[in-house]
Amino acid sequence: MTAIAEIAAIYQAETPLGVCIREVENGPDIWLPISAVEVEPENEALALERGVVVKVTAPEGLLLKMGLI
């Protein structure tokens, strides 16, 4: 079974293949495959748009590989 992890990040953009986040404001863009992650605003009252803090749920191995945990 694959371990799943959640992190907080700053949403940047999304394409049909990936989602772009940042760990910190003005940090580097980090692209994750859209097929492997779920992204939702931490504050449910906010829309998913650039600069919003989001909860990213993804396989732990992917987050480790990308240096996010």
C-alpha atoms as a PDB file:
ATOM      1  CA  MET A   1       0.000   0.000   0.000  1.00  0.00           C
ATOM      2  CA  THR A   2       1.262   3.474  -0.888  1.00  0.00           C
ATOM      3  CA  ALA A   3       1.593   5.919   1.986  1.00  0.00           C
ATOM      4  CA  ILE A   4      -0.306   9.158   1.422  1.00  0.00           C
ATOM      5  CA  ALA A   5       0.816  12.495   2.852  1.00  0.00           C
ATOM      6  CA  GLU A   6      -0.605  16.011   3.049  1.00  0.00           C
ATOM      7  CA  ILE A   7       1.324  19.250   2.846  1.00  0.00           C
ATOM      8  CA  ALA A   8       0.436  22.928   2.720  1.00  0.00           C
ATOM      9  CA  ALA A   9       1.648  24.880  -0.306  1.00  0.00           C
ATOM     10  CA  ILE A  10       0.926  28.001  -2.333  1.00  0.00           C
ATOM     11  CA  TYR A  11      -1.085  27.358  -5.500  1.00  0.00           C
ATOM     12  CA  GLN A  12       0.301  28.817  -8.730  1.00  0.00           C
ATOM     13  CA  ALA A  13      -1.290  27.232 -11.799  1.00  0.00           C
ATOM     14  CA  GLU A  14      -2.733  24.087 -13.327  1.00  0.00           C
ATOM     15  CA  THR A  15      -2.616  22.431 -16.745  1.00  0.00           C
ATOM     16  CA  PRO A  16      -4.265  19.227 -17.954  1.00  0.00           C
ATOM     17  CA  LEU A  17      -1.082  17.360 -16.950  1.00  0.00           C
ATOM     18  CA  GLY A  18       0.179  19.095 -13.826  1.00  0.00           C
ATOM     19  CA  VAL A  19      -0.290  21.461 -10.950  1.00  0.00           C
ATOM     20  CA  CYS A  20       2.259  24.099 -10.014  1.00  0.00           C
ATOM     21  CA  ILE A  21       2.844  24.970  -6.356  1.00  0.00           C
ATOM     22  CA  ARG A  22       5.412  26.757  -4.235  1.00  0.00           C
ATOM     23  CA  GLU A  23       6.570  25.864  -0.736  1.00  0.00           C
ATOM     24  CA  VAL A  24       7.086  29.520   0.155  1.00  0.00           C
ATOM     25  CA  GLU A  25       6.162  32.843  -1.377  1.00  0.00           C
ATOM     26  CA  ASN A  26       8.652  33.767  -4.128  1.00  0.00           C
ATOM     27  CA  GLY A  27      10.093  30.227  -3.957  1.00  0.00           C
ATOM     28  CA  PRO A  28      10.722  28.058  -7.002  1.00  0.00           C
ATOM     29  CA  ASP A  29       7.811  26.599  -8.957  1.00  0.00           C
ATOM     30  CA  ILE A  30       7.306  22.886  -8.309  1.00  0.00           C
ATOM     31  CA  TRP A  31       5.260  20.901 -10.815  1.00  0.00           C
ATOM     32  CA  LEU A  32       3.412  17.766  -9.724  1.00  0.00           C
ATOM     33  CA  PRO A  33       1.512  15.358 -12.013  1.00  0.00           C
ATOM     34  CA  ILE A  34      -2.206  16.104 -11.767  1.00  0.00           C
ATOM     35  CA  SER A  35      -2.987  12.378 -11.960  1.00  0.00           C
ATOM     36  CA  ALA A  36      -1.129  11.740  -8.670  1.00  0.00           C
ATOM     37  CA  VAL A  37      -2.289  14.619  -6.472  1.00  0.00           C
ATOM     38  CA  GLU A  38      -5.375  16.251  -5.019  1.00  0.00           C
ATOM     39  CA  VAL A  39      -5.291  19.992  -4.418  1.00  0.00           C
ATOM     40  CA  GLU A  40      -7.881  22.003  -2.502  1.00  0.00           C
ATOM     41  CA  PRO A  41      -7.858  25.388  -0.762  1.00  0.00           C
ATOM     42  CA  GLU A  42      -7.157  25.168   2.971  1.00  0.00           C
ATOM     43  CA  ASN A  43      -9.915  27.755   3.429  1.00  0.00           C
ATOM     44  CA  GLU A  44     -12.959  26.260   1.713  1.00  0.00           C
ATOM     45  CA  ALA A  45     -14.425  29.745   1.216  1.00  0.00           C
ATOM     46  CA  LEU A  46     -11.629  30.640  -1.231  1.00  0.00           C
ATOM     47  CA  ALA A  47     -11.422  29.735  -4.904  1.00  0.00           C
ATOM     48  CA  LEU A  48      -8.460  27.784  -6.272  1.00  0.00           C
ATOM     49  CA  GLU A  49      -6.379  30.644  -7.679  1.00  0.00           C
ATOM     50  CA  ARG A  50      -2.783  31.855  -7.708  1.00  0.00           C
ATOM     51  CA  GLY A  51      -1.443  32.701  -4.248  1.00  0.00           C
ATOM     52  CA  VAL A  52      -4.050  30.730  -2.268  1.00  0.00           C
ATOM     53  CA  VAL A  53      -2.725  28.352   0.389  1.00  0.00           C
ATOM     54  CA  VAL A  54      -3.760  24.836  -0.552  1.00  0.00           C
ATOM     55  CA  LYS A  55      -3.697  21.346   0.911  1.00  0.00           C
ATOM     56  CA  VAL A  56      -1.875  18.931  -1.382  1.00  0.00           C
ATOM     57  CA  THR A  57      -2.555  15.224  -0.890  1.00  0.00           C
ATOM     58  CA  ALA A  58      -0.160  12.924  -2.725  1.00  0.00           C
ATOM     59  CA  PRO A  59       1.865   9.731  -2.411  1.00  0.00           C
ATOM     60  CA  GLU A  60       4.586  10.222   0.191  1.00  0.00           C
ATOM     61  CA  GLY A  61       7.235   8.956  -2.244  1.00  0.00           C
ATOM     62  CA  LEU A  62       6.366  11.657  -4.782  1.00  0.00           C
ATOM     63  CA  LEU A  63       6.538  14.408  -2.155  1.00  0.00           C
ATOM     64  CA  LEU A  64       9.890  13.073  -0.925  1.00  0.00           C
ATOM     65  CA  LYS A  65      11.236  12.917  -4.501  1.00  0.00           C
ATOM     66  CA  MET A  66      10.221  16.536  -5.086  1.00  0.00           C
ATOM     67  CA  GLY A  67      11.820  17.657  -1.796  1.00  0.00           C
ATOM     68  CA  LEU A  68       8.526  18.697  -0.237  1.00  0.00           C
ATOM     69  CA  ILE A  69       8.824  16.516   2.886  1.00  0.00           C
END
